[in-house]
Amino acid sequence: MRDHLEAGGWFRTDGAGVTLAEIRPTPCAPDHLLRVHPGSYVTAIENACRHAPVRLDPDTGVSPGSWEAALLSAGGAVDASDAVAAGRIRSAFVCTRPPGHHAERDRAMGFCLFNNVAIAARFLQAERGLGRIFIVDWDVHHGNGTQHIFEADDSVFYFSTHQYPFYPGTGGQGERGSGRGEGFTLNVPLPPGTGDAEYLRIFREVLRPAIDAFKPDLVLVSAGFDAHRDDPLASMAITEAGFAVMTRLVREAADDHCGGRMVSVLEGGYDLGALARSVEAHLGELGASAGPRQA
């Protein structure tokens, strides 16, 4: 992906056009992890990685390098969110893996070890004083972990579009949160073959009113690009142009409600060419806000 972006001039130093500046991620501190995952679970993941190769479930394996990678992935989400919350930049894209939105509080699944977006949200609330976080999840798979972590919380709104029925089997329309969090989860399950036109209608007619009503202090995006028409693990039909407009619509809402503060975190995307092109389209719209852009 970096080669693709470099070839497109995204890291140029002459100041012409839209350029990226890099934030090098640091390992996620234990305090940040423990706001989302119990200590026993964090220790279990570390031990599994130390004794790798180990398979945690049929989809999720770890190697000796997985512990460091998982800490850097979660840490990247925290570092980018911190930079945006502090006003050093307006928006950021966290290009790290493993992804996170399937990770439950105490269960790894779907290639995910720690829930990066959830960790970033809790960091923003606990250490940067942001009260209301809106999470947009456009990965082709439902973010079961993120939904469950916040389902009883009215300070975090979780919105998801996803192929349905499909892995992991959650994300029905009737799942709306519980207790104080009832009404702060909004799922839009979609049939296979759904493409740009329907996604954009949903973003305009369903997502935007939800953001307007919630009035977030910052928007987080679980930016999976596996709903692309070329992706081998799903059956949706979004194009790069579709992802660009989806990004624009979310960014415009962030501009209106929280000074453009928006952080997107890479989730899925398994056709490398489609992933690189989709990320480039996403960055073009993410960087359309005034102010510095970061990767």
C-alpha atoms as a PDB file:
ATOM      1  CA  MET A   1       0.000   0.000   0.000  1.00  0.00           C
ATOM      2  CA  ARG A   2       2.781   2.428   0.826  1.00  0.00           C
ATOM      3  CA  ASP A   3       4.356   1.798  -2.586  1.00  0.00           C
ATOM      4  CA  HIS A   4       1.036   2.671  -4.222  1.00  0.00           C
ATOM      5  CA  LEU A   5       0.712   5.891  -2.218  1.00  0.00           C
ATOM      6  CA  GLU A   6       4.325   6.876  -2.835  1.00  0.00           C
ATOM      7  CA  ALA A   7       3.850   6.336  -6.563  1.00  0.00           C
ATOM      8  CA  GLY A   8       0.841   8.637  -6.361  1.00  0.00           C
ATOM      9  CA  GLY A   9       2.909  11.415  -4.778  1.00  0.00           C
ATOM     10  CA  TRP A  10       1.295  11.248  -1.353  1.00  0.00           C
ATOM     11  CA  PHE A  11       4.593  11.575   0.489  1.00  0.00           C
ATOM     12  CA  ARG A  12       6.063  14.367  -1.630  1.00  0.00           C
ATOM     13  CA  THR A  13       8.019  17.057   0.192  1.00  0.00           C
ATOM     14  CA  ASP A  14       7.589  20.028  -2.155  1.00  0.00           C
ATOM     15  CA  GLY A  15       4.260  21.049  -0.602  1.00  0.00           C
ATOM     16  CA  ALA A  16       2.296  20.655  -3.826  1.00  0.00           C
ATOM     17  CA  GLY A  17      -1.055  18.900  -3.655  1.00  0.00           C
ATOM     18  CA  VAL A  18      -2.433  16.797  -0.831  1.00  0.00           C
ATOM     19  CA  THR A  19       0.361  15.153   1.124  1.00  0.00           C
ATOM     20  CA  LEU A  20       0.632  12.882   4.117  1.00  0.00           C
ATOM     21  CA  ALA A  21       2.745  13.200   7.210  1.00  0.00           C
ATOM     22  CA  GLU A  22       3.431  10.074   9.213  1.00  0.00           C
ATOM     23  CA  ILE A  23       2.816   9.355  12.862  1.00  0.00           C
ATOM     24  CA  ARG A  24       4.880   6.363  13.911  1.00  0.00           C
ATOM     25  CA  PRO A  25       2.750   4.282  16.299  1.00  0.00           C
ATOM     26  CA  THR A  26       3.952   3.454  19.784  1.00  0.00           C
ATOM     27  CA  PRO A  27       2.946   0.269  21.645  1.00  0.00           C
ATOM     28  CA  CYS A  28      -0.365   0.620  23.420  1.00  0.00           C
ATOM     29  CA  ALA A  29       0.057   1.225  27.138  1.00  0.00           C
ATOM     30  CA  PRO A  30      -1.552  -1.306  29.501  1.00  0.00           C
ATOM     31  CA  ASP A  31      -3.876   1.343  30.958  1.00  0.00           C
ATOM     32  CA  HIS A  32      -5.430   1.916  27.545  1.00  0.00           C
ATOM     33  CA  LEU A  33      -5.944  -1.800  26.907  1.00  0.00           C
ATOM     34  CA  LEU A  34      -7.478  -2.359  30.327  1.00  0.00           C
ATOM     35  CA  ARG A  35     -10.248   0.184  29.774  1.00  0.00           C
ATOM     36  CA  VAL A  36     -11.689  -2.298  27.253  1.00  0.00           C
ATOM     37  CA  HIS A  37     -10.192  -5.740  27.929  1.00  0.00           C
ATOM     38  CA  PRO A  38      -9.772  -7.467  31.320  1.00  0.00           C
ATOM     39  CA  GLY A  39      -6.228  -8.069  32.493  1.00  0.00           C
ATOM     40  CA  SER A  40      -6.676 -11.849  32.352  1.00  0.00           C
ATOM     41  CA  TYR A  41      -7.502 -11.611  28.653  1.00  0.00           C
ATOM     42  CA  VAL A  42      -4.537  -9.341  27.853  1.00  0.00           C
ATOM     43  CA  THR A  43      -2.225 -11.793  29.651  1.00  0.00           C
ATOM     44  CA  ALA A  44      -3.747 -14.733  27.773  1.00  0.00           C
ATOM     45  CA  ILE A  45      -3.118 -13.051  24.414  1.00  0.00           C
ATOM     46  CA  GLU A  46       0.475 -12.270  25.378  1.00  0.00           C
ATOM     47  CA  ASN A  47       1.074 -15.855  26.478  1.00  0.00           C
ATOM     48  CA  ALA A  48      -0.461 -17.240  23.286  1.00  0.00           C
ATOM     49  CA  CYS A  49       1.853 -15.070  21.200  1.00  0.00           C
ATOM     50  CA  ARG A  50       4.883 -16.111  23.246  1.00  0.00           C
ATOM     51  CA  HIS A  51       4.053 -19.775  22.541  1.00  0.00           C
ATOM     52  CA  ALA A  52       3.074 -19.248  18.896  1.00  0.00           C
ATOM     53  CA  PRO A  53       2.124 -20.492  16.467  1.00  0.00           C
ATOM     54  CA  VAL A  54      -1.242 -20.831  18.183  1.00  0.00           C
ATOM     55  CA  ARG A  55      -4.748 -20.776  16.728  1.00  0.00           C
ATOM     56  CA  LEU A  56      -7.203 -18.880  18.934  1.00  0.00           C
ATOM     57  CA  ASP A  57     -10.219 -19.766  16.813  1.00  0.00           C
ATOM     58  CA  PRO A  58     -10.693 -21.188  13.288  1.00  0.00           C
ATOM     59  CA  ASP A  59      -9.962 -17.747  11.738  1.00  0.00           C
ATOM     60  CA  THR A  60      -7.528 -16.207  14.189  1.00  0.00           C
ATOM     61  CA  GLY A  61      -3.977 -17.383  14.599  1.00  0.00           C
ATOM     62  CA  VAL A  62      -0.956 -15.732  16.185  1.00  0.00           C
ATOM     63  CA  SER A  63       2.750 -15.844  15.433  1.00  0.00           C
ATOM     64  CA  PRO A  64       5.699 -14.741  17.611  1.00  0.00           C
ATOM     65  CA  GLY A  65       5.366 -11.223  16.151  1.00  0.00           C
ATOM     66  CA  SER A  66       1.646 -10.885  16.807  1.00  0.00           C
ATOM     67  CA  TRP A  67       2.008  -9.418  20.303  1.00  0.00           C
ATOM     68  CA  GLU A  68       4.125  -6.490  19.130  1.00  0.00           C
ATOM     69  CA  ALA A  69       1.913  -5.987  16.074  1.00  0.00           C
ATOM     70  CA  ALA A  70      -1.260  -5.954  18.173  1.00  0.00           C
ATOM     71  CA  LEU A  71       0.193  -3.426  20.623  1.00  0.00           C
ATOM     72  CA  LEU A  72       1.336  -1.181  17.766  1.00  0.00           C
ATOM     73  CA  SER A  73      -2.030  -1.440  16.033  1.00  0.00           C
ATOM     74  CA  ALA A  74      -3.956  -0.431  19.147  1.00  0.00           C
ATOM     75  CA  GLY A  75      -1.307   2.148  19.979  1.00  0.00           C
ATOM     76  CA  GLY A  76      -1.581   3.661  16.524  1.00  0.00           C
ATOM     77  CA  ALA A  77      -5.304   4.217  17.044  1.00  0.00           C
ATOM     78  CA  VAL A  78      -4.589   5.904  20.378  1.00  0.00           C
ATOM     79  CA  ASP A  79      -1.732   8.039  19.023  1.00  0.00           C
ATOM     80  CA  ALA A  80      -3.758   9.248  16.043  1.00  0.00           C
ATOM     81  CA  SER A  81      -6.782   9.977  18.213  1.00  0.00           C
ATOM     82  CA  ASP A  82      -4.619  11.906  20.647  1.00  0.00           C
ATOM     83  CA  ALA A  83      -3.162  14.041  17.861  1.00  0.00           C
ATOM     84  CA  VAL A  84      -6.623  14.864  16.520  1.00  0.00           C
ATOM     85  CA  ALA A  85      -8.123  15.534  19.958  1.00  0.00           C
ATOM     86  CA  ALA A  86      -5.219  17.829  20.834  1.00  0.00           C
ATOM     87  CA  GLY A  87      -5.722  19.834  17.648  1.00  0.00           C
ATOM     88  CA  ARG A  88      -2.332  19.028  16.164  1.00  0.00           C
ATOM     89  CA  ILE A  89      -4.135  17.641  13.107  1.00  0.00           C
ATOM     90  CA  ARG A  90      -7.759  17.591  11.971  1.00  0.00           C
ATOM     91  CA  SER A  91      -8.035  14.007  10.756  1.00  0.00           C
ATOM     92  CA  ALA A  92      -6.026  10.799  10.586  1.00  0.00           C
ATOM     93  CA  PHE A  93      -6.021   7.364   8.969  1.00  0.00           C
ATOM     94  CA  VAL A  94      -4.526   4.518  11.007  1.00  0.00           C
ATOM     95  CA  CYS A  95      -2.969   2.087   8.535  1.00  0.00           C
ATOM     96  CA  THR A  96      -2.145  -0.795  10.868  1.00  0.00           C
ATOM     97  CA  ARG A  97      -3.087  -4.408  11.428  1.00  0.00           C
ATOM     98  CA  PRO A  98      -4.273  -6.651  13.030  1.00  0.00           C
ATOM     99  CA  PRO A  99      -7.759  -5.156  12.753  1.00  0.00           C
ATOM    100  CA  GLY A 100      -9.958  -4.902  15.813  1.00  0.00           C
ATOM    101  CA  HIS A 101     -13.720  -4.633  15.469  1.00  0.00           C
ATOM    102  CA  HIS A 102     -14.458  -8.349  16.004  1.00  0.00           C
ATOM    103  CA  ALA A 103     -12.490  -8.516  19.267  1.00  0.00           C
ATOM    104  CA  GLU A 104     -14.848  -8.899  22.221  1.00  0.00           C
ATOM    105  CA  ARG A 105     -13.868  -7.854  25.724  1.00  0.00           C
ATOM    106  CA  ASP A 106     -12.436 -11.299  26.432  1.00  0.00           C
ATOM    107  CA  ARG A 107     -12.406 -13.129  23.116  1.00  0.00           C
ATOM    108  CA  ALA A 108     -10.259 -12.872  19.994  1.00  0.00           C
ATOM    109  CA  MET A 109     -11.994 -13.613  16.718  1.00  0.00           C
ATOM    110  CA  GLY A 110     -12.116 -12.661  13.048  1.00  0.00           C
ATOM    111  CA  PHE A 111      -8.359 -11.863  12.804  1.00  0.00           C
ATOM    112  CA  CYS A 112      -8.748  -9.408  15.723  1.00  0.00           C
ATOM    113  CA  LEU A 113      -6.888  -9.502  19.049  1.00  0.00           C
ATOM    114  CA  PHE A 114      -7.631  -6.101  20.633  1.00  0.00           C
ATOM    115  CA  ASN A 115     -10.487  -3.784  19.712  1.00  0.00           C
ATOM    116  CA  ASN A 116      -8.525  -0.817  18.386  1.00  0.00           C
ATOM    117  CA  VAL A 117     -11.477   1.518  17.825  1.00  0.00           C
ATOM    118  CA  ALA A 118     -12.959   0.791  21.251  1.00  0.00           C
ATOM    119  CA  ILE A 119      -9.585   1.396  22.911  1.00  0.00           C
ATOM    120  CA  ALA A 120      -9.285   4.736  21.087  1.00  0.00           C
ATOM    121  CA  ALA A 121     -12.816   5.751  22.105  1.00  0.00           C
ATOM    122  CA  ARG A 122     -12.221   5.018  25.786  1.00  0.00           C
ATOM    123  CA  PHE A 123      -8.871   6.848  25.662  1.00  0.00           C
ATOM    124  CA  LEU A 124     -10.538   9.929  24.210  1.00  0.00           C
ATOM    125  CA  GLN A 125     -13.169   9.907  26.931  1.00  0.00           C
ATOM    126  CA  ALA A 126     -10.874   9.121  29.855  1.00  0.00           C
ATOM    127  CA  GLU A 127      -7.833  11.232  28.996  1.00  0.00           C
ATOM    128  CA  ARG A 128      -8.970  13.890  26.524  1.00  0.00           C
ATOM    129  CA  GLY A 129     -12.353  14.729  28.023  1.00  0.00           C
ATOM    130  CA  LEU A 130     -14.450  13.999  24.961  1.00  0.00           C
ATOM    131  CA  GLY A 131     -17.917  12.993  26.038  1.00  0.00           C
ATOM    132  CA  ARG A 132     -19.649  11.728  22.892  1.00  0.00           C
ATOM    133  CA  ILE A 133     -17.975   9.466  20.327  1.00  0.00           C
ATOM    134  CA  PHE A 134     -19.685   8.325  17.133  1.00  0.00           C
ATOM    135  CA  ILE A 135     -18.347   5.141  15.505  1.00  0.00           C
ATOM    136  CA  VAL A 136     -19.106   4.475  11.834  1.00  0.00           C
ATOM    137  CA  ASP A 137     -18.313   0.889  10.794  1.00  0.00           C
ATOM    138  CA  TRP A 138     -18.519   0.265   7.050  1.00  0.00           C
ATOM    139  CA  ASP A 139     -16.551  -2.994   7.035  1.00  0.00           C
ATOM    140  CA  VAL A 140     -18.413  -5.736   5.142  1.00  0.00           C
ATOM    141  CA  HIS A 141     -18.583  -7.774   8.372  1.00  0.00           C
ATOM    142  CA  HIS A 142     -20.533  -6.604  11.393  1.00  0.00           C
ATOM    143  CA  GLY A 143     -18.345  -5.315  14.227  1.00  0.00           C
ATOM    144  CA  ASN A 144     -19.741  -7.571  16.911  1.00  0.00           C
ATOM    145  CA  GLY A 145     -16.995  -6.706  19.391  1.00  0.00           C
ATOM    146  CA  THR A 146     -17.445  -2.957  19.132  1.00  0.00           C
ATOM    147  CA  GLN A 147     -21.215  -3.248  19.386  1.00  0.00           C
ATOM    148  CA  HIS A 148     -21.093  -5.454  22.473  1.00  0.00           C
ATOM    149  CA  ILE A 149     -18.501  -3.303  24.247  1.00  0.00           C
ATOM    150  CA  PHE A 150     -20.695  -0.193  23.947  1.00  0.00           C
ATOM    151  CA  GLU A 151     -24.209  -1.637  23.757  1.00  0.00           C
ATOM    152  CA  ALA A 152     -25.221  -0.363  27.225  1.00  0.00           C
ATOM    153  CA  ASP A 153     -23.426   2.996  26.853  1.00  0.00           C
ATOM    154  CA  ASP A 154     -25.227   6.147  25.702  1.00  0.00           C
ATOM    155  CA  SER A 155     -21.986   8.115  25.275  1.00  0.00           C
ATOM    156  CA  VAL A 156     -20.813   6.042  22.272  1.00  0.00           C
ATOM    157  CA  PHE A 157     -23.034   5.641  19.221  1.00  0.00           C
ATOM    158  CA  TYR A 158     -22.288   2.592  17.055  1.00  0.00           C
ATOM    159  CA  PHE A 159     -23.491   2.554  13.430  1.00  0.00           C
ATOM    160  CA  SER A 160     -22.801  -0.340  11.054  1.00  0.00           C
ATOM    161  CA  THR A 161     -23.503  -1.245   7.444  1.00  0.00           C
ATOM    162  CA  HIS A 162     -22.622  -4.864   6.611  1.00  0.00           C
ATOM    163  CA  GLN A 163     -23.464  -7.851   4.457  1.00  0.00           C
ATOM    164  CA  TYR A 164     -26.148  -9.921   6.150  1.00  0.00           C
ATOM    165  CA  PRO A 165     -26.526 -12.743   6.930  1.00  0.00           C
ATOM    166  CA  PHE A 166     -22.781 -13.210   7.017  1.00  0.00           C
ATOM    167  CA  TYR A 167     -19.902 -13.643   9.462  1.00  0.00           C
ATOM    168  CA  PRO A 168     -20.080 -13.229  12.460  1.00  0.00           C
ATOM    169  CA  GLY A 169     -23.868 -13.609  12.418  1.00  0.00           C
ATOM    170  CA  THR A 170     -24.670 -10.504  14.455  1.00  0.00           C
ATOM    171  CA  GLY A 171     -25.913  -7.112  13.339  1.00  0.00           C
ATOM    172  CA  GLY A 172     -29.632  -7.584  12.828  1.00  0.00           C
ATOM    173  CA  GLN A 173     -31.864  -4.536  12.616  1.00  0.00           C
ATOM    174  CA  GLY A 174     -33.399  -5.323  15.979  1.00  0.00           C
ATOM    175  CA  GLU A 175     -30.048  -4.974  17.800  1.00  0.00           C
ATOM    176  CA  ARG A 176     -30.349  -1.423  19.134  1.00  0.00           C
ATOM    177  CA  GLY A 177     -28.398  -1.506  22.386  1.00  0.00           C
ATOM    178  CA  SER A 178     -29.582  -2.164  25.921  1.00  0.00           C
ATOM    179  CA  GLY A 179     -30.263  -0.278  29.147  1.00  0.00           C
ATOM    180  CA  ARG A 180     -28.987   3.297  28.916  1.00  0.00           C
ATOM    181  CA  GLY A 181     -27.513   2.438  25.539  1.00  0.00           C
ATOM    182  CA  GLU A 182     -30.799   1.465  23.922  1.00  0.00           C
ATOM    183  CA  GLY A 183     -31.164   3.440  20.711  1.00  0.00           C
ATOM    184  CA  PHE A 184     -27.440   4.169  20.470  1.00  0.00           C
ATOM    185  CA  THR A 185     -26.722   1.174  18.235  1.00  0.00           C
ATOM    186  CA  LEU A 186     -27.946   1.362  14.644  1.00  0.00           C
ATOM    187  CA  ASN A 187     -27.426  -1.575  12.297  1.00  0.00           C
ATOM    188  CA  VAL A 188     -28.207  -1.507   8.585  1.00  0.00           C
ATOM    189  CA  PRO A 189     -27.865  -5.118   7.379  1.00  0.00           C
ATOM    190  CA  LEU A 190     -27.619  -5.381   3.590  1.00  0.00           C
ATOM    191  CA  PRO A 191     -28.018  -8.200   1.063  1.00  0.00           C
ATOM    192  CA  PRO A 192     -25.135  -9.480  -1.080  1.00  0.00           C
ATOM    193  CA  GLY A 193     -24.525  -7.412  -4.192  1.00  0.00           C
ATOM    194  CA  THR A 194     -25.270  -4.032  -2.611  1.00  0.00           C
ATOM    195  CA  GLY A 195     -23.266  -1.299  -4.320  1.00  0.00           C
ATOM    196  CA  ASP A 196     -22.492   2.396  -4.312  1.00  0.00           C
ATOM    197  CA  ALA A 197     -25.990   3.784  -4.902  1.00  0.00           C
ATOM    198  CA  GLU A 198     -27.603   2.027  -1.937  1.00  0.00           C
ATOM    199  CA  TYR A 199     -24.680   2.673   0.415  1.00  0.00           C
ATOM    200  CA  LEU A 200     -24.742   6.362  -0.416  1.00  0.00           C
ATOM    201  CA  ARG A 201     -28.507   6.552   0.061  1.00  0.00           C
ATOM    202  CA  ILE A 202     -28.095   5.003   3.515  1.00  0.00           C
ATOM    203  CA  PHE A 203     -25.271   7.362   4.431  1.00  0.00           C
ATOM    204  CA  ARG A 204     -27.381  10.366   3.413  1.00  0.00           C
ATOM    205  CA  GLU A 205     -30.773   9.271   4.729  1.00  0.00           C
ATOM    206  CA  VAL A 206     -29.903   7.130   7.768  1.00  0.00           C
ATOM    207  CA  LEU A 207     -26.359   7.846   8.947  1.00  0.00           C
ATOM    208  CA  ARG A 208     -26.340  11.626   8.590  1.00  0.00           C
ATOM    209  CA  PRO A 209     -29.546  12.164  10.621  1.00  0.00           C
ATOM    210  CA  ALA A 210     -28.138   9.883  13.343  1.00  0.00           C
ATOM    211  CA  ILE A 211     -24.932  11.925  13.530  1.00  0.00           C
ATOM    212  CA  ASP A 212     -26.904  15.174  13.538  1.00  0.00           C
ATOM    213  CA  ALA A 213     -29.038  13.971  16.440  1.00  0.00           C
ATOM    214  CA  PHE A 214     -26.088  12.644  18.474  1.00  0.00           C
ATOM    215  CA  LYS A 215     -23.802  15.687  17.971  1.00  0.00           C
ATOM    216  CA  PRO A 216     -20.474  13.898  18.557  1.00  0.00           C
ATOM    217  CA  ASP A 217     -17.257  15.400  19.850  1.00  0.00           C
ATOM    218  CA  LEU A 218     -15.253  13.189  17.462  1.00  0.00           C
ATOM    219  CA  VAL A 219     -16.022  10.589  14.795  1.00  0.00           C
ATOM    220  CA  LEU A 220     -14.196   7.259  14.602  1.00  0.00           C
ATOM    221  CA  VAL A 221     -14.472   5.083  11.495  1.00  0.00           C
ATOM    222  CA  SER A 222     -13.887   1.343  11.360  1.00  0.00           C
ATOM    223  CA  ALA A 223     -12.733   1.605   7.768  1.00  0.00           C
ATOM    224  CA  GLY A 224     -12.887  -1.849   6.273  1.00  0.00           C
ATOM    225  CA  PHE A 225     -12.595  -1.952   2.499  1.00  0.00           C
ATOM    226  CA  ASP A 226     -13.747  -5.546   2.037  1.00  0.00           C
ATOM    227  CA  ALA A 227     -17.146  -4.444   0.731  1.00  0.00           C
ATOM    228  CA  HIS A 228     -15.278  -3.604  -2.498  1.00  0.00           C
ATOM    229  CA  ARG A 229     -16.587  -5.429  -5.542  1.00  0.00           C
ATOM    230  CA  ASP A 230     -13.213  -7.150  -6.072  1.00  0.00           C
ATOM    231  CA  ASP A 231     -12.784  -8.439  -2.517  1.00  0.00           C
ATOM    232  CA  PRO A 232     -12.561 -12.246  -2.323  1.00  0.00           C
ATOM    233  CA  LEU A 233     -14.074 -12.644   1.171  1.00  0.00           C
ATOM    234  CA  ALA A 234     -17.439 -11.012   0.547  1.00  0.00           C
ATOM    235  CA  SER A 235     -20.089 -10.349  -2.080  1.00  0.00           C
ATOM    236  CA  MET A 236     -20.688  -6.612  -2.074  1.00  0.00           C
ATOM    237  CA  ALA A 237     -20.124  -4.165  -4.940  1.00  0.00           C
ATOM    238  CA  ILE A 238     -18.704  -0.867  -3.654  1.00  0.00           C
ATOM    239  CA  THR A 239     -16.146   0.868  -5.887  1.00  0.00           C
ATOM    240  CA  GLU A 240     -13.305   3.200  -4.973  1.00  0.00           C
ATOM    241  CA  ALA A 241     -15.545   6.099  -5.999  1.00  0.00           C
ATOM    242  CA  GLY A 242     -18.180   4.840  -3.581  1.00  0.00           C
ATOM    243  CA  PHE A 243     -15.741   4.753  -0.693  1.00  0.00           C
ATOM    244  CA  ALA A 244     -14.653   8.289  -1.578  1.00  0.00           C
ATOM    245  CA  VAL A 245     -18.190   9.663  -1.351  1.00  0.00           C
ATOM    246  CA  MET A 246     -18.894   7.685   1.831  1.00  0.00           C
ATOM    247  CA  THR A 247     -15.817   9.315   3.356  1.00  0.00           C
ATOM    248  CA  ARG A 248     -16.918  12.735   2.167  1.00  0.00           C
ATOM    249  CA  LEU A 249     -20.346  12.363   3.738  1.00  0.00           C
ATOM    250  CA  VAL A 250     -18.900  11.341   7.108  1.00  0.00           C
ATOM    251  CA  ARG A 251     -16.278  14.094   6.939  1.00  0.00           C
ATOM    252  CA  GLU A 252     -18.923  16.724   6.191  1.00  0.00           C
ATOM    253  CA  ALA A 253     -20.858  15.612   9.271  1.00  0.00           C
ATOM    254  CA  ALA A 254     -17.669  15.792  11.343  1.00  0.00           C
ATOM    255  CA  ASP A 255     -16.984  19.260   9.942  1.00  0.00           C
ATOM    256  CA  ASP A 256     -20.427  20.399  11.044  1.00  0.00           C
ATOM    257  CA  HIS A 257     -20.427  18.905  14.535  1.00  0.00           C
ATOM    258  CA  CYS A 258     -16.866  18.525  15.848  1.00  0.00           C
ATOM    259  CA  GLY A 259     -14.516  20.746  13.898  1.00  0.00           C
ATOM    260  CA  GLY A 260     -13.709  17.988  11.404  1.00  0.00           C
ATOM    261  CA  ARG A 261     -12.206  15.752  14.087  1.00  0.00           C
ATOM    262  CA  MET A 262     -12.245  12.321  12.493  1.00  0.00           C
ATOM    263  CA  VAL A 263     -10.022   9.259  12.859  1.00  0.00           C
ATOM    264  CA  SER A 264     -10.380   6.225  10.604  1.00  0.00           C
ATOM    265  CA  VAL A 265      -8.852   2.880  11.501  1.00  0.00           C
ATOM    266  CA  LEU A 266      -8.172   0.154   8.950  1.00  0.00           C
ATOM    267  CA  GLU A 267     -10.209  -3.011   9.391  1.00  0.00           C
ATOM    268  CA  GLY A 268     -10.725  -5.488   6.513  1.00  0.00           C
ATOM    269  CA  GLY A 269      -9.773  -5.468   2.838  1.00  0.00           C
ATOM    270  CA  TYR A 270      -8.217  -8.527   1.196  1.00  0.00           C
ATOM    271  CA  ASP A 271      -7.707  -7.755  -2.481  1.00  0.00           C
ATOM    272  CA  LEU A 272      -4.476  -5.777  -2.299  1.00  0.00           C
ATOM    273  CA  GLY A 273      -5.052  -3.746  -5.444  1.00  0.00           C
ATOM    274  CA  ALA A 274      -8.597  -2.813  -4.494  1.00  0.00           C
ATOM    275  CA  LEU A 275      -7.467  -2.060  -0.945  1.00  0.00           C
ATOM    276  CA  ALA A 276      -4.705   0.321  -2.082  1.00  0.00           C
ATOM    277  CA  ARG A 277      -6.999   2.153  -4.505  1.00  0.00           C
ATOM    278  CA  SER A 278      -9.789   2.396  -1.941  1.00  0.00           C
ATOM    279  CA  VAL A 279      -7.466   3.739   0.743  1.00  0.00           C
ATOM    280  CA  GLU A 280      -6.160   6.334  -1.694  1.00  0.00           C
ATOM    281  CA  ALA A 281      -9.722   7.426  -2.497  1.00  0.00           C
ATOM    282  CA  HIS A 282     -10.503   7.545   1.232  1.00  0.00           C
ATOM    283  CA  LEU A 283      -7.440   9.665   1.970  1.00  0.00           C
ATOM    284  CA  GLY A 284      -8.308  12.097  -0.797  1.00  0.00           C
ATOM    285  CA  GLU A 285     -11.630  12.894   0.855  1.00  0.00           C
ATOM    286  CA  LEU A 286     -10.352  12.634   4.423  1.00  0.00           C
ATOM    287  CA  GLY A 287      -7.711  15.229   3.572  1.00  0.00           C
ATOM    288  CA  ALA A 288     -10.183  17.589   1.962  1.00  0.00           C
ATOM    289  CA  SER A 289     -10.770  19.237   5.332  1.00  0.00           C
ATOM    290  CA  ALA A 290      -8.653  22.256   6.019  1.00  0.00           C
ATOM    291  CA  GLY A 291      -5.499  21.662   8.039  1.00  0.00           C
ATOM    292  CA  PRO A 292      -2.761  19.024   8.151  1.00  0.00           C
ATOM    293  CA  ARG A 293      -3.423  15.408   7.218  1.00  0.00           C
ATOM    294  CA  GLN A 294      -1.728  12.459   8.794  1.00  0.00           C
ATOM    295  CA  ALA A 295      -1.296   8.743   8.063  1.00  0.00           C
END
